[in-house]
Amino acid sequence: MRAGDLIGRTIVDAHGRPVGVCTDIRCEVREGPADTAPELTLSGLLVSRRHTGSLLGYERGRTEGPWLVSALVRWLHRGLAVVRWEDVADVPEEHDRDISLRPGAQPQALD
């Protein structure tokens, strides 16, 4: 699976109600043996209520750049949340179908 298979798709709860749009993914770095490259593991999906495009890294808080761009991106993506990957129930291969969450799963607001 590639990031492009997830980003831009609608995420729905277990009852089929829209939760938001996947705007980005979160990965964790897992170190392996010393002679191998670190492994990236998908840990979650960033979810926005609006489909407004890229976050440009501004959701990370430590990204520096023009204050106006930062303010605009943060305003457009207010209410941004994350869904843990283990809370994802189904990712259909067809890109026009929604990503569904397991029962009881809820996106967690980002600080």
N, C-alpha and C. Protein backbone atom coordinates (compact mmCIF):
# COMPACT_ATOMS: atom_id res chain seq x y z
N MET A 1 0.85 -1.17 0.00
CA MET A 1 0.00 0.00 0.00
C MET A 1 0.90 1.24 0.00
N ARG A 2 0.48 2.24 -0.73
CA ARG A 2 1.22 3.50 -0.83
C ARG A 2 0.41 4.62 -0.18
N ALA A 3 1.09 5.69 0.21
CA ALA A 3 0.41 6.83 0.83
C ALA A 3 -0.68 7.37 -0.09
N GLY A 4 -0.43 7.38 -1.39
CA GLY A 4 -1.41 7.87 -2.35
C GLY A 4 -2.67 7.04 -2.41
N ASP A 5 -2.61 5.81 -1.89
CA ASP A 5 -3.81 4.97 -1.83
C ASP A 5 -4.74 5.40 -0.70
N LEU A 6 -4.23 6.22 0.23
CA LEU A 6 -5.00 6.63 1.40
C LEU A 6 -5.38 8.11 1.38
N ILE A 7 -4.42 8.95 1.01
CA ILE A 7 -4.63 10.40 1.05
C ILE A 7 -5.70 10.83 0.05
N GLY A 8 -6.62 11.65 0.54
CA GLY A 8 -7.72 12.15 -0.29
C GLY A 8 -8.98 11.34 -0.21
N ARG A 9 -8.93 10.22 0.47
CA ARG A 9 -10.13 9.37 0.58
C ARG A 9 -10.94 9.73 1.81
N THR A 10 -12.25 9.57 1.71
CA THR A 10 -13.15 9.82 2.82
C THR A 10 -13.03 8.69 3.83
N ILE A 11 -13.07 9.05 5.11
CA ILE A 11 -13.05 8.08 6.20
C ILE A 11 -14.42 8.10 6.84
N VAL A 12 -14.99 6.91 7.04
CA VAL A 12 -16.32 6.79 7.64
C VAL A 12 -16.23 5.95 8.91
N ASP A 13 -17.17 6.19 9.84
CA ASP A 13 -17.21 5.38 11.05
C ASP A 13 -17.84 4.02 10.74
N ALA A 14 -18.00 3.19 11.75
CA ALA A 14 -18.52 1.83 11.56
C ALA A 14 -19.95 1.81 11.03
N HIS A 15 -20.66 2.94 11.17
CA HIS A 15 -22.05 3.03 10.68
C HIS A 15 -22.14 3.69 9.31
N GLY A 16 -20.98 4.01 8.72
CA GLY A 16 -20.97 4.61 7.39
C GLY A 16 -21.10 6.13 7.38
N ARG A 17 -21.07 6.77 8.56
CA ARG A 17 -21.15 8.23 8.64
C ARG A 17 -19.77 8.84 8.39
N PRO A 18 -19.69 9.87 7.56
CA PRO A 18 -18.39 10.49 7.28
C PRO A 18 -17.75 11.08 8.53
N VAL A 19 -16.46 10.83 8.69
CA VAL A 19 -15.67 11.37 9.79
C VAL A 19 -14.81 12.51 9.27
N GLY A 20 -14.33 12.38 8.04
CA GLY A 20 -13.48 13.39 7.43
C GLY A 20 -12.72 12.82 6.25
N VAL A 21 -11.69 13.54 5.84
CA VAL A 21 -10.88 13.15 4.69
C VAL A 21 -9.45 12.90 5.17
N CYS A 22 -8.83 11.84 4.68
CA CYS A 22 -7.44 11.55 5.01
C CYS A 22 -6.56 12.57 4.29
N THR A 23 -5.87 13.41 5.07
CA THR A 23 -5.02 14.44 4.48
C THR A 23 -3.54 14.07 4.50
N ASP A 24 -3.18 13.11 5.33
CA ASP A 24 -1.77 12.70 5.42
C ASP A 24 -1.71 11.41 6.24
N ILE A 25 -0.51 10.85 6.32
CA ILE A 25 -0.32 9.65 7.13
C ILE A 25 0.73 9.92 8.20
N ARG A 26 0.71 9.11 9.23
CA ARG A 26 1.72 9.16 10.29
C ARG A 26 2.46 7.83 10.28
N CYS A 27 3.77 7.91 10.39
CA CYS A 27 4.60 6.70 10.43
C CYS A 27 5.51 6.75 11.64
N GLU A 28 5.90 5.57 12.11
CA GLU A 28 6.88 5.44 13.18
C GLU A 28 8.13 4.81 12.59
N VAL A 29 9.28 5.23 13.08
CA VAL A 29 10.54 4.66 12.65
C VAL A 29 10.90 3.54 13.62
N ARG A 30 11.16 2.37 13.07
CA ARG A 30 11.56 1.24 13.89
C ARG A 30 12.97 0.84 13.50
N GLU A 31 13.85 0.90 14.47
CA GLU A 31 15.24 0.56 14.23
C GLU A 31 15.40 -0.95 14.18
N GLY A 32 16.20 -1.41 13.24
CA GLY A 32 16.51 -2.82 13.12
C GLY A 32 17.95 -3.06 13.50
N PRO A 33 18.52 -4.15 13.02
CA PRO A 33 19.93 -4.41 13.27
C PRO A 33 20.80 -3.27 12.74
N ALA A 34 21.97 -3.12 13.30
CA ALA A 34 22.86 -2.00 12.97
C ALA A 34 23.20 -1.89 11.50
N ASP A 35 23.23 -2.99 10.78
CA ASP A 35 23.63 -2.96 9.37
C ASP A 35 22.45 -2.83 8.41
N THR A 36 21.25 -2.52 8.93
CA THR A 36 20.08 -2.35 8.07
C THR A 36 19.47 -0.97 8.24
N ALA A 37 18.75 -0.55 7.25
CA ALA A 37 18.07 0.75 7.31
C ALA A 37 16.86 0.67 8.24
N PRO A 38 16.51 1.77 8.89
CA PRO A 38 15.30 1.78 9.74
C PRO A 38 14.06 1.47 8.90
N GLU A 39 13.07 0.92 9.55
CA GLU A 39 11.82 0.56 8.88
C GLU A 39 10.73 1.54 9.28
N LEU A 40 9.96 2.02 8.30
CA LEU A 40 8.82 2.88 8.58
C LEU A 40 7.57 2.03 8.69
N THR A 41 6.82 2.24 9.75
CA THR A 41 5.58 1.51 9.97
C THR A 41 4.43 2.51 10.06
N LEU A 42 3.37 2.28 9.31
CA LEU A 42 2.20 3.15 9.33
C LEU A 42 1.55 3.08 10.70
N SER A 43 1.39 4.27 11.35
CA SER A 43 0.82 4.28 12.69
C SER A 43 -0.53 5.00 12.76
N GLY A 44 -0.86 5.81 11.73
CA GLY A 44 -2.14 6.50 11.79
C GLY A 44 -2.41 7.33 10.56
N LEU A 45 -3.63 7.84 10.49
CA LEU A 45 -4.09 8.69 9.39
C LEU A 45 -4.48 10.04 9.96
N LEU A 46 -4.04 11.13 9.33
CA LEU A 46 -4.50 12.46 9.72
C LEU A 46 -5.82 12.71 9.01
N VAL A 47 -6.79 13.19 9.76
CA VAL A 47 -8.15 13.37 9.26
C VAL A 47 -8.57 14.83 9.42
N SER A 48 -9.06 15.41 8.34
CA SER A 48 -9.56 16.78 8.36
C SER A 48 -11.03 16.77 7.95
N ARG A 49 -11.79 17.70 8.49
CA ARG A 49 -13.21 17.80 8.09
C ARG A 49 -13.34 18.36 6.69
N ARG A 50 -12.29 19.03 6.23
CA ARG A 50 -12.32 19.65 4.90
C ARG A 50 -11.27 19.01 4.00
N HIS A 51 -11.54 18.98 2.75
CA HIS A 51 -10.59 18.46 1.77
C HIS A 51 -9.88 19.66 1.14
N THR A 52 -8.88 20.17 1.87
CA THR A 52 -8.27 21.43 1.46
C THR A 52 -6.83 21.30 1.00
N GLY A 53 -6.36 20.11 0.78
CA GLY A 53 -5.01 19.94 0.25
C GLY A 53 -3.96 19.68 1.31
N SER A 54 -2.73 19.83 0.92
CA SER A 54 -1.57 19.48 1.73
C SER A 54 -1.44 20.34 2.98
N LEU A 55 -0.88 19.73 4.02
CA LEU A 55 -0.60 20.44 5.26
C LEU A 55 0.75 21.13 5.20
N LEU A 56 1.58 20.77 4.24
CA LEU A 56 2.90 21.37 4.04
C LEU A 56 3.80 21.23 5.26
N GLY A 57 3.50 20.28 6.13
CA GLY A 57 4.32 20.07 7.33
C GLY A 57 3.96 20.96 8.50
N TYR A 58 3.03 21.88 8.33
CA TYR A 58 2.72 22.84 9.39
C TYR A 58 1.96 22.21 10.56
N GLU A 59 1.43 21.00 10.42
CA GLU A 59 0.74 20.37 11.52
C GLU A 59 1.71 19.87 12.58
N ARG A 60 3.01 19.87 12.28
CA ARG A 60 4.01 19.37 13.20
C ARG A 60 4.42 20.39 14.25
N GLY A 61 4.04 21.65 14.09
CA GLY A 61 4.30 22.66 15.10
C GLY A 61 5.70 23.25 15.06
N ARG A 62 6.71 22.46 14.74
CA ARG A 62 8.08 22.97 14.74
C ARG A 62 8.52 23.43 13.35
N THR A 63 7.64 23.29 12.36
CA THR A 63 7.96 23.73 11.01
C THR A 63 7.95 25.24 10.94
N GLU A 64 9.01 25.79 10.40
CA GLU A 64 9.09 27.24 10.27
C GLU A 64 8.83 27.64 8.83
N GLY A 65 8.32 28.81 8.66
CA GLY A 65 8.04 29.31 7.33
C GLY A 65 7.33 30.63 7.44
N PRO A 66 6.87 31.16 6.34
CA PRO A 66 6.16 32.43 6.39
C PRO A 66 4.95 32.35 7.32
N TRP A 67 4.82 33.31 8.21
CA TRP A 67 3.74 33.27 9.20
C TRP A 67 2.37 33.25 8.55
N LEU A 68 2.22 33.92 7.41
CA LEU A 68 0.92 33.96 6.75
C LEU A 68 0.52 32.59 6.22
N VAL A 69 1.47 31.89 5.62
CA VAL A 69 1.19 30.53 5.13
C VAL A 69 0.87 29.61 6.31
N SER A 70 1.67 29.71 7.37
CA SER A 70 1.43 28.90 8.56
C SER A 70 0.03 29.15 9.12
N ALA A 71 -0.34 30.41 9.26
CA ALA A 71 -1.65 30.76 9.80
C ALA A 71 -2.78 30.25 8.91
N LEU A 72 -2.62 30.39 7.59
CA LEU A 72 -3.65 29.93 6.66
C LEU A 72 -3.82 28.42 6.70
N VAL A 73 -2.71 27.69 6.69
CA VAL A 73 -2.78 26.22 6.73
C VAL A 73 -3.41 25.76 8.03
N ARG A 74 -3.03 26.36 9.15
CA ARG A 74 -3.61 25.97 10.44
C ARG A 74 -5.11 26.30 10.50
N TRP A 75 -5.51 27.41 9.92
CA TRP A 75 -6.93 27.77 9.91
C TRP A 75 -7.72 26.81 9.04
N LEU A 76 -7.20 26.49 7.86
CA LEU A 76 -7.90 25.58 6.95
C LEU A 76 -8.06 24.19 7.56
N HIS A 77 -7.10 23.78 8.35
CA HIS A 77 -7.12 22.43 8.91
C HIS A 77 -7.45 22.42 10.40
N ARG A 78 -8.16 23.46 10.87
CA ARG A 78 -8.58 23.44 12.27
C ARG A 78 -9.47 22.22 12.49
N GLY A 79 -9.33 21.62 13.64
CA GLY A 79 -10.09 20.40 13.92
C GLY A 79 -9.40 19.15 13.40
N LEU A 80 -8.14 19.27 13.00
CA LEU A 80 -7.38 18.13 12.50
C LEU A 80 -7.28 17.07 13.59
N ALA A 81 -7.43 15.81 13.20
CA ALA A 81 -7.38 14.70 14.16
C ALA A 81 -6.57 13.56 13.56
N VAL A 82 -6.27 12.59 14.39
CA VAL A 82 -5.54 11.40 13.94
C VAL A 82 -6.34 10.16 14.30
N VAL A 83 -6.34 9.21 13.39
CA VAL A 83 -6.95 7.90 13.61
C VAL A 83 -5.81 6.89 13.67
N ARG A 84 -5.74 6.13 14.75
CA ARG A 84 -4.70 5.10 14.86
C ARG A 84 -4.92 4.04 13.78
N TRP A 85 -3.84 3.55 13.21
CA TRP A 85 -3.95 2.57 12.14
C TRP A 85 -4.69 1.32 12.61
N GLU A 86 -4.52 0.92 13.85
CA GLU A 86 -5.21 -0.28 14.35
C GLU A 86 -6.72 -0.06 14.45
N ASP A 87 -7.19 1.20 14.37
CA ASP A 87 -8.63 1.49 14.38
C ASP A 87 -9.25 1.46 12.99
N VAL A 88 -8.45 1.25 11.96
CA VAL A 88 -8.96 1.17 10.60
C VAL A 88 -9.43 -0.26 10.35
N ALA A 89 -10.70 -0.40 9.95
CA ALA A 89 -11.26 -1.73 9.71
C ALA A 89 -11.08 -2.19 8.28
N ASP A 90 -11.21 -1.27 7.30
CA ASP A 90 -11.16 -1.68 5.91
C ASP A 90 -10.67 -0.55 5.02
N VAL A 91 -9.77 -0.91 4.12
CA VAL A 91 -9.29 0.01 3.08
C VAL A 91 -9.53 -0.69 1.75
N PRO A 92 -10.67 -0.43 1.11
CA PRO A 92 -10.97 -1.09 -0.16
C PRO A 92 -9.93 -0.75 -1.22
N GLU A 93 -9.64 -1.68 -2.09
CA GLU A 93 -8.68 -1.45 -3.16
C GLU A 93 -9.16 -0.39 -4.14
N GLU A 94 -10.47 -0.28 -4.33
CA GLU A 94 -11.02 0.72 -5.23
C GLU A 94 -10.88 2.10 -4.59
N HIS A 95 -10.22 3.01 -5.27
CA HIS A 95 -9.92 4.32 -4.70
C HIS A 95 -11.14 5.21 -4.53
N ASP A 96 -12.25 4.87 -5.15
CA ASP A 96 -13.45 5.69 -5.00
C ASP A 96 -14.32 5.22 -3.83
N ARG A 97 -13.85 4.21 -3.09
CA ARG A 97 -14.59 3.71 -1.93
C ARG A 97 -13.98 4.25 -0.64
N ASP A 98 -14.79 4.37 0.39
CA ASP A 98 -14.38 4.96 1.66
C ASP A 98 -13.55 4.01 2.51
N ILE A 99 -12.68 4.60 3.32
CA ILE A 99 -11.94 3.87 4.35
C ILE A 99 -12.86 3.81 5.57
N SER A 100 -13.05 2.63 6.14
CA SER A 100 -13.96 2.52 7.28
C SER A 100 -13.21 2.18 8.57
N LEU A 101 -13.75 2.69 9.67
CA LEU A 101 -13.17 2.46 10.99
C LEU A 101 -13.88 1.32 11.69
N ARG A 102 -13.20 0.73 12.64
CA ARG A 102 -13.81 -0.34 13.43
C ARG A 102 -14.83 0.26 14.40
N PRO A 103 -15.79 -0.53 14.89
CA PRO A 103 -16.77 -0.01 15.84
C PRO A 103 -16.11 0.59 17.07
N GLY A 104 -16.57 1.75 17.48
CA GLY A 104 -16.06 2.43 18.65
C GLY A 104 -14.83 3.29 18.42
N ALA A 105 -14.24 3.21 17.24
CA ALA A 105 -13.04 4.01 16.95
C ALA A 105 -13.43 5.46 16.68
N GLN A 106 -12.66 6.37 17.26
CA GLN A 106 -12.88 7.80 17.07
C GLN A 106 -11.56 8.49 16.81
N PRO A 107 -11.55 9.47 15.91
CA PRO A 107 -10.33 10.26 15.71
C PRO A 107 -9.99 11.04 16.98
N GLN A 108 -8.70 11.19 17.26
CA GLN A 108 -8.25 11.94 18.43
C GLN A 108 -7.71 13.30 17.96
N ALA A 109 -8.17 14.37 18.56
CA ALA A 109 -7.74 15.72 18.19
C ALA A 109 -6.24 15.87 18.39
N LEU A 110 -5.62 16.59 17.46
CA LEU A 110 -4.20 16.92 17.60
C LEU A 110 -4.07 18.17 18.46
N ASP A 111 -3.02 18.23 19.23
CA ASP A 111 -2.77 19.41 20.07
C ASP A 111 -2.27 20.56 19.25
